Amino acid sequence: MSVTVTIPEDFKYVGASLFLTAVLLQGLASTVGRYRKLAKIEYPQMYAEKKEMEESREALLFNCAQRAHHNAIEYVHIAYVTTIISGLRFPIPSAIACAFWCVSRVSYARGYLTGDPKKVCGGTTFEDVLTNLFVSLSAVPSSTT
C-alpha cells in the first residue's frame, strides 16, 4: 500500500507561520538573557533561588521570563505537528492558527513579565490545543471500504 501526499500550493503560508515560531522563541530567549543580566544570575543557574527573588525584583522578573520561555518550548512541538498536518488540507487556516498561537505566546509572556504570574493572559489554552487537534484530525483522510 502506498500513500501519496500532495503539498497544496498555499502551504508556503504554513512555512511562514512556522518560521514565526522561530522568531518568537528567539525573542523570548533574548528576553531571558536581558533579565538574566539585570538579575546578575550566572550560568548555568537555570532560575533564581527563592532568597534571590525576595531580595531582588530583577531576579523575580528573570524567573518569570525564564518560565514564559520554557512554557513556549514545552508546547511548540504541538504547534509544529498540528500546523503541518492540518496544513496539508487547510493551509491558510492552519497558518493563521499557528500565527495566533505565536501572538498568544507574546501575550502570555507579557503577562508573566509583570512580575505577577496571576496576570498571565492568553498563551496556550486548552481551547488552542483542542482547536489544533480537531483541525489536524480533519486532515486525516477518511477510509472507505
N, C-alpha and C. Protein backbone atom coordinates (compact mmCIF):
# COMPACT_ATOMS: atom_id res chain seq x y z
N MET A 1 0.84 -1.17 0.00
CA MET A 1 0.00 0.00 0.00
C MET A 1 0.89 1.24 0.00
N SER A 2 0.60 2.14 -0.88
CA SER A 2 1.36 3.38 -0.92
C SER A 2 0.43 4.56 -0.68
N VAL A 3 1.01 5.61 -0.19
CA VAL A 3 0.25 6.82 0.10
C VAL A 3 0.92 7.97 -0.63
N THR A 4 0.12 8.76 -1.29
CA THR A 4 0.63 9.94 -1.97
C THR A 4 0.20 11.16 -1.18
N VAL A 5 1.16 11.99 -0.86
CA VAL A 5 0.87 13.23 -0.15
C VAL A 5 1.08 14.38 -1.11
N THR A 6 0.05 15.17 -1.30
CA THR A 6 0.14 16.33 -2.17
C THR A 6 0.26 17.58 -1.31
N ILE A 7 1.30 18.32 -1.57
CA ILE A 7 1.51 19.57 -0.84
C ILE A 7 0.73 20.66 -1.56
N PRO A 8 -0.23 21.30 -0.87
CA PRO A 8 -1.01 22.34 -1.53
C PRO A 8 -0.16 23.57 -1.84
N GLU A 9 -0.59 24.30 -2.84
CA GLU A 9 0.14 25.50 -3.26
C GLU A 9 0.27 26.52 -2.13
N ASP A 10 -0.75 26.64 -1.30
CA ASP A 10 -0.73 27.63 -0.22
C ASP A 10 0.04 27.15 1.02
N PHE A 11 0.71 26.03 0.92
CA PHE A 11 1.48 25.50 2.05
C PHE A 11 2.62 26.45 2.44
N LYS A 12 2.97 27.35 1.54
CA LYS A 12 4.02 28.33 1.85
C LYS A 12 3.64 29.18 3.06
N TYR A 13 2.34 29.39 3.26
CA TYR A 13 1.89 30.15 4.43
C TYR A 13 2.13 29.36 5.72
N VAL A 14 2.01 28.06 5.63
CA VAL A 14 2.33 27.20 6.78
C VAL A 14 3.81 27.37 7.11
N GLY A 15 4.65 27.33 6.10
CA GLY A 15 6.09 27.54 6.32
C GLY A 15 6.39 28.88 6.97
N ALA A 16 5.70 29.90 6.51
CA ALA A 16 5.91 31.24 7.08
C ALA A 16 5.48 31.29 8.54
N SER A 17 4.37 30.64 8.85
CA SER A 17 3.90 30.65 10.25
C SER A 17 4.84 29.85 11.14
N LEU A 18 5.41 28.78 10.60
CA LEU A 18 6.37 28.00 11.38
C LEU A 18 7.66 28.79 11.60
N PHE A 19 8.06 29.58 10.60
CA PHE A 19 9.21 30.44 10.77
C PHE A 19 8.95 31.47 11.88
N LEU A 20 7.70 31.93 11.96
CA LEU A 20 7.32 32.88 13.01
C LEU A 20 7.55 32.29 14.40
N THR A 21 7.38 30.98 14.56
CA THR A 21 7.64 30.37 15.86
C THR A 21 9.12 30.47 16.22
N ALA A 22 10.00 30.36 15.23
CA ALA A 22 11.44 30.50 15.48
C ALA A 22 11.75 31.93 15.93
N VAL A 23 11.12 32.90 15.29
CA VAL A 23 11.31 34.30 15.68
C VAL A 23 10.81 34.51 17.11
N LEU A 24 9.66 33.93 17.41
CA LEU A 24 9.09 34.02 18.75
C LEU A 24 10.05 33.45 19.79
N LEU A 25 10.53 32.24 19.56
CA LEU A 25 11.41 31.60 20.53
C LEU A 25 12.72 32.37 20.71
N GLN A 26 13.24 32.92 19.62
CA GLN A 26 14.46 33.73 19.72
C GLN A 26 14.19 35.00 20.52
N GLY A 27 13.04 35.61 20.29
CA GLY A 27 12.68 36.81 21.05
C GLY A 27 12.54 36.52 22.54
N LEU A 28 11.90 35.39 22.86
CA LEU A 28 11.76 35.02 24.27
C LEU A 28 13.12 34.71 24.89
N ALA A 29 14.00 34.04 24.13
CA ALA A 29 15.34 33.75 24.64
C ALA A 29 16.12 35.03 24.89
N SER A 30 15.97 36.00 24.02
CA SER A 30 16.65 37.29 24.21
C SER A 30 16.14 38.00 25.45
N THR A 31 14.85 37.89 25.68
CA THR A 31 14.25 38.50 26.88
C THR A 31 14.83 37.85 28.13
N VAL A 32 14.94 36.54 28.13
CA VAL A 32 15.53 35.83 29.26
C VAL A 32 16.96 36.30 29.48
N GLY A 33 17.73 36.42 28.40
CA GLY A 33 19.12 36.88 28.51
C GLY A 33 19.21 38.28 29.11
N ARG A 34 18.32 39.15 28.67
CA ARG A 34 18.33 40.52 29.19
C ARG A 34 18.03 40.53 30.69
N TYR A 35 17.01 39.77 31.11
CA TYR A 35 16.66 39.73 32.53
C TYR A 35 17.72 38.98 33.34
N ARG A 36 18.38 37.99 32.75
CA ARG A 36 19.47 37.29 33.45
C ARG A 36 20.58 38.27 33.79
N LYS A 37 20.90 39.12 32.83
CA LYS A 37 21.97 40.10 33.05
C LYS A 37 21.58 41.11 34.13
N LEU A 38 20.34 41.60 34.07
CA LEU A 38 19.87 42.56 35.08
C LEU A 38 19.86 41.95 36.48
N ALA A 39 19.49 40.66 36.57
CA ALA A 39 19.40 39.99 37.87
C ALA A 39 20.75 39.47 38.35
N LYS A 40 21.75 39.52 37.45
CA LYS A 40 23.09 39.01 37.77
C LYS A 40 23.05 37.53 38.17
N ILE A 41 22.26 36.78 37.41
CA ILE A 41 22.19 35.33 37.60
C ILE A 41 23.16 34.70 36.60
N GLU A 42 24.18 34.05 37.11
CA GLU A 42 25.22 33.47 36.26
C GLU A 42 24.81 32.10 35.73
N TYR A 43 25.31 31.77 34.54
CA TYR A 43 25.15 30.42 34.02
C TYR A 43 25.94 29.48 34.90
N PRO A 44 25.57 28.27 35.10
CA PRO A 44 24.46 27.54 34.49
C PRO A 44 23.17 27.57 35.31
N GLN A 45 23.09 28.48 36.29
CA GLN A 45 21.90 28.53 37.13
C GLN A 45 20.66 28.80 36.28
N MET A 46 19.69 27.89 36.35
CA MET A 46 18.51 27.96 35.49
C MET A 46 17.51 29.01 35.98
N TYR A 47 17.30 29.07 37.29
CA TYR A 47 16.36 30.01 37.89
C TYR A 47 17.01 30.68 39.08
N ALA A 48 16.48 31.84 39.44
CA ALA A 48 16.92 32.50 40.67
C ALA A 48 16.34 31.73 41.85
N GLU A 49 17.10 31.62 42.92
CA GLU A 49 16.63 30.96 44.13
C GLU A 49 15.58 31.84 44.82
N LYS A 50 14.81 31.23 45.69
CA LYS A 50 13.74 31.96 46.39
C LYS A 50 14.31 33.17 47.15
N LYS A 51 15.44 32.99 47.79
CA LYS A 51 16.07 34.08 48.55
C LYS A 51 16.44 35.23 47.60
N GLU A 52 16.98 34.89 46.44
CA GLU A 52 17.36 35.91 45.45
C GLU A 52 16.12 36.69 44.99
N MET A 53 15.02 35.98 44.81
CA MET A 53 13.78 36.65 44.37
C MET A 53 13.24 37.58 45.44
N GLU A 54 13.37 37.17 46.70
CA GLU A 54 12.89 38.02 47.80
C GLU A 54 13.71 39.29 47.92
N GLU A 55 14.99 39.20 47.54
CA GLU A 55 15.89 40.35 47.67
C GLU A 55 15.92 41.24 46.44
N SER A 56 15.45 40.72 45.30
CA SER A 56 15.62 41.46 44.06
C SER A 56 14.42 41.25 43.13
N ARG A 57 13.80 42.35 42.75
CA ARG A 57 12.70 42.27 41.78
C ARG A 57 13.22 41.77 40.43
N GLU A 58 14.46 42.12 40.09
CA GLU A 58 15.06 41.66 38.83
C GLU A 58 15.15 40.13 38.79
N ALA A 59 15.45 39.53 39.93
CA ALA A 59 15.52 38.06 39.99
C ALA A 59 14.14 37.46 39.77
N LEU A 60 13.13 38.08 40.35
CA LEU A 60 11.75 37.61 40.14
C LEU A 60 11.38 37.72 38.67
N LEU A 61 11.69 38.85 38.05
CA LEU A 61 11.36 39.04 36.63
C LEU A 61 12.16 38.09 35.75
N PHE A 62 13.39 37.79 36.15
CA PHE A 62 14.17 36.79 35.40
C PHE A 62 13.45 35.45 35.44
N ASN A 63 13.01 35.03 36.61
CA ASN A 63 12.29 33.76 36.72
C ASN A 63 11.02 33.76 35.88
N CYS A 64 10.32 34.88 35.88
CA CYS A 64 9.10 34.98 35.08
C CYS A 64 9.40 34.88 33.58
N ALA A 65 10.45 35.56 33.15
CA ALA A 65 10.85 35.50 31.73
C ALA A 65 11.28 34.07 31.37
N GLN A 66 12.04 33.46 32.25
CA GLN A 66 12.50 32.09 32.00
C GLN A 66 11.32 31.13 31.93
N ARG A 67 10.35 31.31 32.80
CA ARG A 67 9.19 30.42 32.81
C ARG A 67 8.35 30.61 31.55
N ALA A 68 8.16 31.85 31.11
CA ALA A 68 7.40 32.10 29.88
C ALA A 68 8.10 31.46 28.68
N HIS A 69 9.42 31.55 28.64
CA HIS A 69 10.19 30.95 27.56
C HIS A 69 10.08 29.43 27.60
N HIS A 70 10.25 28.86 28.78
CA HIS A 70 10.15 27.40 28.90
C HIS A 70 8.75 26.91 28.55
N ASN A 71 7.74 27.66 28.92
CA ASN A 71 6.37 27.24 28.60
C ASN A 71 6.18 27.19 27.09
N ALA A 72 6.72 28.16 26.38
CA ALA A 72 6.62 28.15 24.91
C ALA A 72 7.33 26.93 24.34
N ILE A 73 8.51 26.62 24.88
CA ILE A 73 9.27 25.47 24.40
C ILE A 73 8.51 24.17 24.68
N GLU A 74 7.81 24.12 25.81
CA GLU A 74 7.06 22.91 26.17
C GLU A 74 5.91 22.63 25.20
N TYR A 75 5.38 23.66 24.57
CA TYR A 75 4.21 23.49 23.71
C TYR A 75 4.49 23.64 22.22
N VAL A 76 5.66 24.12 21.84
CA VAL A 76 5.92 24.40 20.43
C VAL A 76 5.84 23.15 19.57
N HIS A 77 6.22 22.02 20.10
CA HIS A 77 6.15 20.79 19.30
C HIS A 77 4.71 20.46 18.90
N ILE A 78 3.76 20.76 19.78
CA ILE A 78 2.35 20.54 19.44
C ILE A 78 1.94 21.48 18.32
N ALA A 79 2.39 22.73 18.40
CA ALA A 79 2.07 23.69 17.34
C ALA A 79 2.67 23.24 16.02
N TYR A 80 3.90 22.74 16.03
CA TYR A 80 4.54 22.27 14.79
C TYR A 80 3.75 21.13 14.16
N VAL A 81 3.50 20.10 14.94
CA VAL A 81 2.85 18.91 14.40
C VAL A 81 1.45 19.22 13.89
N THR A 82 0.66 19.92 14.69
CA THR A 82 -0.71 20.20 14.27
C THR A 82 -0.76 21.15 13.08
N THR A 83 0.15 22.10 13.03
CA THR A 83 0.17 23.03 11.89
C THR A 83 0.56 22.32 10.61
N ILE A 84 1.56 21.48 10.67
CA ILE A 84 2.00 20.77 9.46
C ILE A 84 0.92 19.80 8.98
N ILE A 85 0.38 19.01 9.89
CA ILE A 85 -0.62 18.02 9.48
C ILE A 85 -1.88 18.69 8.95
N SER A 86 -2.40 19.64 9.69
CA SER A 86 -3.62 20.30 9.23
C SER A 86 -3.36 21.16 8.00
N GLY A 87 -2.11 21.65 7.87
CA GLY A 87 -1.76 22.48 6.72
C GLY A 87 -1.78 21.73 5.40
N LEU A 88 -1.70 20.42 5.47
CA LEU A 88 -1.78 19.63 4.23
C LEU A 88 -3.16 19.70 3.61
N ARG A 89 -4.16 19.93 4.43
CA ARG A 89 -5.52 20.03 3.89
C ARG A 89 -6.07 21.45 3.95
N PHE A 90 -5.71 22.16 5.00
CA PHE A 90 -6.21 23.53 5.21
C PHE A 90 -5.03 24.46 5.48
N PRO A 91 -4.24 24.79 4.46
CA PRO A 91 -3.00 25.54 4.72
C PRO A 91 -3.21 26.94 5.29
N ILE A 92 -4.14 27.69 4.77
CA ILE A 92 -4.30 29.06 5.25
C ILE A 92 -4.87 29.10 6.66
N PRO A 93 -5.98 28.38 6.96
CA PRO A 93 -6.45 28.38 8.35
C PRO A 93 -5.40 27.84 9.33
N SER A 94 -4.63 26.87 8.90
CA SER A 94 -3.57 26.31 9.77
C SER A 94 -2.49 27.35 10.03
N ALA A 95 -2.11 28.07 9.01
CA ALA A 95 -1.10 29.11 9.17
C ALA A 95 -1.61 30.22 10.08
N ILE A 96 -2.87 30.57 9.93
CA ILE A 96 -3.47 31.60 10.80
C ILE A 96 -3.49 31.12 12.24
N ALA A 97 -3.86 29.84 12.45
CA ALA A 97 -3.90 29.30 13.81
C ALA A 97 -2.51 29.31 14.43
N CYS A 98 -1.48 28.97 13.66
CA CYS A 98 -0.12 28.98 14.17
C CYS A 98 0.33 30.41 14.51
N ALA A 99 0.01 31.34 13.63
CA ALA A 99 0.36 32.75 13.90
C ALA A 99 -0.37 33.24 15.15
N PHE A 100 -1.62 32.84 15.30
CA PHE A 100 -2.38 33.21 16.50
C PHE A 100 -1.72 32.62 17.74
N TRP A 101 -1.24 31.39 17.64
CA TRP A 101 -0.56 30.77 18.77
C TRP A 101 0.68 31.60 19.15
N CYS A 102 1.42 32.06 18.14
CA CYS A 102 2.61 32.88 18.40
C CYS A 102 2.24 34.19 19.11
N VAL A 103 1.19 34.83 18.63
CA VAL A 103 0.75 36.08 19.26
C VAL A 103 0.30 35.81 20.70
N SER A 104 -0.39 34.69 20.91
CA SER A 104 -0.85 34.37 22.26
C SER A 104 0.33 34.10 23.19
N ARG A 105 1.44 33.58 22.66
CA ARG A 105 2.63 33.36 23.48
C ARG A 105 3.23 34.69 23.91
N VAL A 106 3.19 35.68 23.03
CA VAL A 106 3.69 37.01 23.39
C VAL A 106 2.82 37.58 24.50
N SER A 107 1.52 37.45 24.37
CA SER A 107 0.60 37.92 25.41
C SER A 107 0.87 37.22 26.73
N TYR A 108 1.08 35.93 26.66
CA TYR A 108 1.38 35.13 27.84
C TYR A 108 2.66 35.64 28.53
N ALA A 109 3.70 35.86 27.74
CA ALA A 109 4.98 36.33 28.28
C ALA A 109 4.83 37.72 28.89
N ARG A 110 4.10 38.59 28.21
CA ARG A 110 3.91 39.94 28.76
C ARG A 110 3.19 39.90 30.09
N GLY A 111 2.22 39.01 30.21
CA GLY A 111 1.53 38.86 31.49
C GLY A 111 2.48 38.37 32.57
N TYR A 112 3.32 37.41 32.24
CA TYR A 112 4.28 36.89 33.20
C TYR A 112 5.28 37.98 33.61
N LEU A 113 5.69 38.81 32.65
CA LEU A 113 6.71 39.81 32.93
C LEU A 113 6.22 40.99 33.76
N THR A 114 4.97 40.96 34.18
CA THR A 114 4.50 41.96 35.14
C THR A 114 5.07 41.66 36.53
N GLY A 115 5.57 40.42 36.67
CA GLY A 115 6.07 40.01 37.97
C GLY A 115 5.02 39.29 38.79
N ASP A 116 3.80 39.28 38.29
CA ASP A 116 2.70 38.59 38.96
C ASP A 116 2.16 37.52 38.03
N PRO A 117 2.58 36.27 38.23
CA PRO A 117 2.14 35.20 37.32
C PRO A 117 0.62 35.05 37.22
N LYS A 118 -0.12 35.58 38.17
CA LYS A 118 -1.58 35.52 38.10
C LYS A 118 -2.13 36.41 36.99
N LYS A 119 -1.30 37.32 36.49
CA LYS A 119 -1.73 38.21 35.41
C LYS A 119 -1.46 37.64 34.03
N VAL A 120 -1.05 36.38 34.00
CA VAL A 120 -0.81 35.73 32.71
C VAL A 120 -2.13 35.67 31.96
N CYS A 121 -2.09 36.11 30.72
CA CYS A 121 -3.29 36.03 29.89
C CYS A 121 -2.88 35.47 28.54
N GLY A 122 -3.82 34.86 27.90
CA GLY A 122 -3.52 34.27 26.60
C GLY A 122 -2.68 33.03 26.79
N GLY A 123 -1.76 32.80 25.89
CA GLY A 123 -0.92 31.64 25.97
C GLY A 123 -1.62 30.40 25.45
N THR A 124 -1.01 29.27 25.68
CA THR A 124 -1.60 28.03 25.24
C THR A 124 -2.71 27.66 26.19
N THR A 125 -3.90 27.67 25.69
CA THR A 125 -5.04 27.26 26.49
C THR A 125 -5.52 25.92 25.99
N PHE A 126 -6.35 25.32 26.77
CA PHE A 126 -6.94 24.04 26.40
C PHE A 126 -7.69 24.18 25.08
N GLU A 127 -8.32 25.32 24.88
CA GLU A 127 -9.07 25.55 23.65
C GLU A 127 -8.14 25.62 22.44
N ASP A 128 -6.97 26.23 22.59
CA ASP A 128 -6.00 26.29 21.49
C ASP A 128 -5.58 24.89 21.06
N VAL A 129 -5.27 24.07 22.06
CA VAL A 129 -4.82 22.71 21.77
C VAL A 129 -5.95 21.92 21.11
N LEU A 130 -7.17 22.05 21.63
CA LEU A 130 -8.30 21.33 21.04
C LEU A 130 -8.56 21.77 19.61
N THR A 131 -8.48 23.07 19.36
CA THR A 131 -8.70 23.58 18.00
C THR A 131 -7.69 22.96 17.04
N ASN A 132 -6.43 22.98 17.43
CA ASN A 132 -5.40 22.40 16.57
C ASN A 132 -5.60 20.89 16.39
N LEU A 133 -6.02 20.23 17.45
CA LEU A 133 -6.25 18.79 17.36
C LEU A 133 -7.38 18.49 16.38
N PHE A 134 -8.48 19.21 16.49
CA PHE A 134 -9.62 18.96 15.59
C PHE A 134 -9.27 19.28 14.14
N VAL A 135 -8.52 20.36 13.93
CA VAL A 135 -8.12 20.69 12.56
C VAL A 135 -7.20 19.60 12.03
N SER A 136 -6.30 19.10 12.88
CA SER A 136 -5.39 18.03 12.45
C SER A 136 -6.18 16.76 12.10
N LEU A 137 -7.13 16.41 12.96
CA LEU A 137 -7.91 15.20 12.70
C LEU A 137 -8.73 15.32 11.43
N SER A 138 -9.18 16.53 11.12
CA SER A 138 -9.97 16.70 9.90
C SER A 138 -9.11 16.53 8.65
N ALA A 139 -7.80 16.65 8.82
CA ALA A 139 -6.90 16.49 7.67
C ALA A 139 -6.60 15.03 7.37
N VAL A 140 -6.92 14.14 8.30
CA VAL A 140 -6.68 12.73 8.10
C VAL A 140 -7.70 12.21 7.08
N PRO A 141 -7.22 11.56 6.03
CA PRO A 141 -8.15 11.09 5.03
C PRO A 141 -9.08 10.00 5.58
N SER A 142 -10.31 10.04 5.14
CA SER A 142 -11.24 9.01 5.58
C SER A 142 -11.07 7.78 4.70
N SER A 143 -11.21 6.63 5.29
CA SER A 143 -11.06 5.40 4.52
C SER A 143 -12.43 4.87 4.15
N THR A 144 -12.53 4.41 2.97
CA THR A 144 -13.80 3.82 2.53
C THR A 144 -13.54 2.35 2.22
N THR A 145 -14.42 1.52 2.68
CA THR A 145 -14.25 0.09 2.44
C THR A 145 -15.31 -0.45 1.54
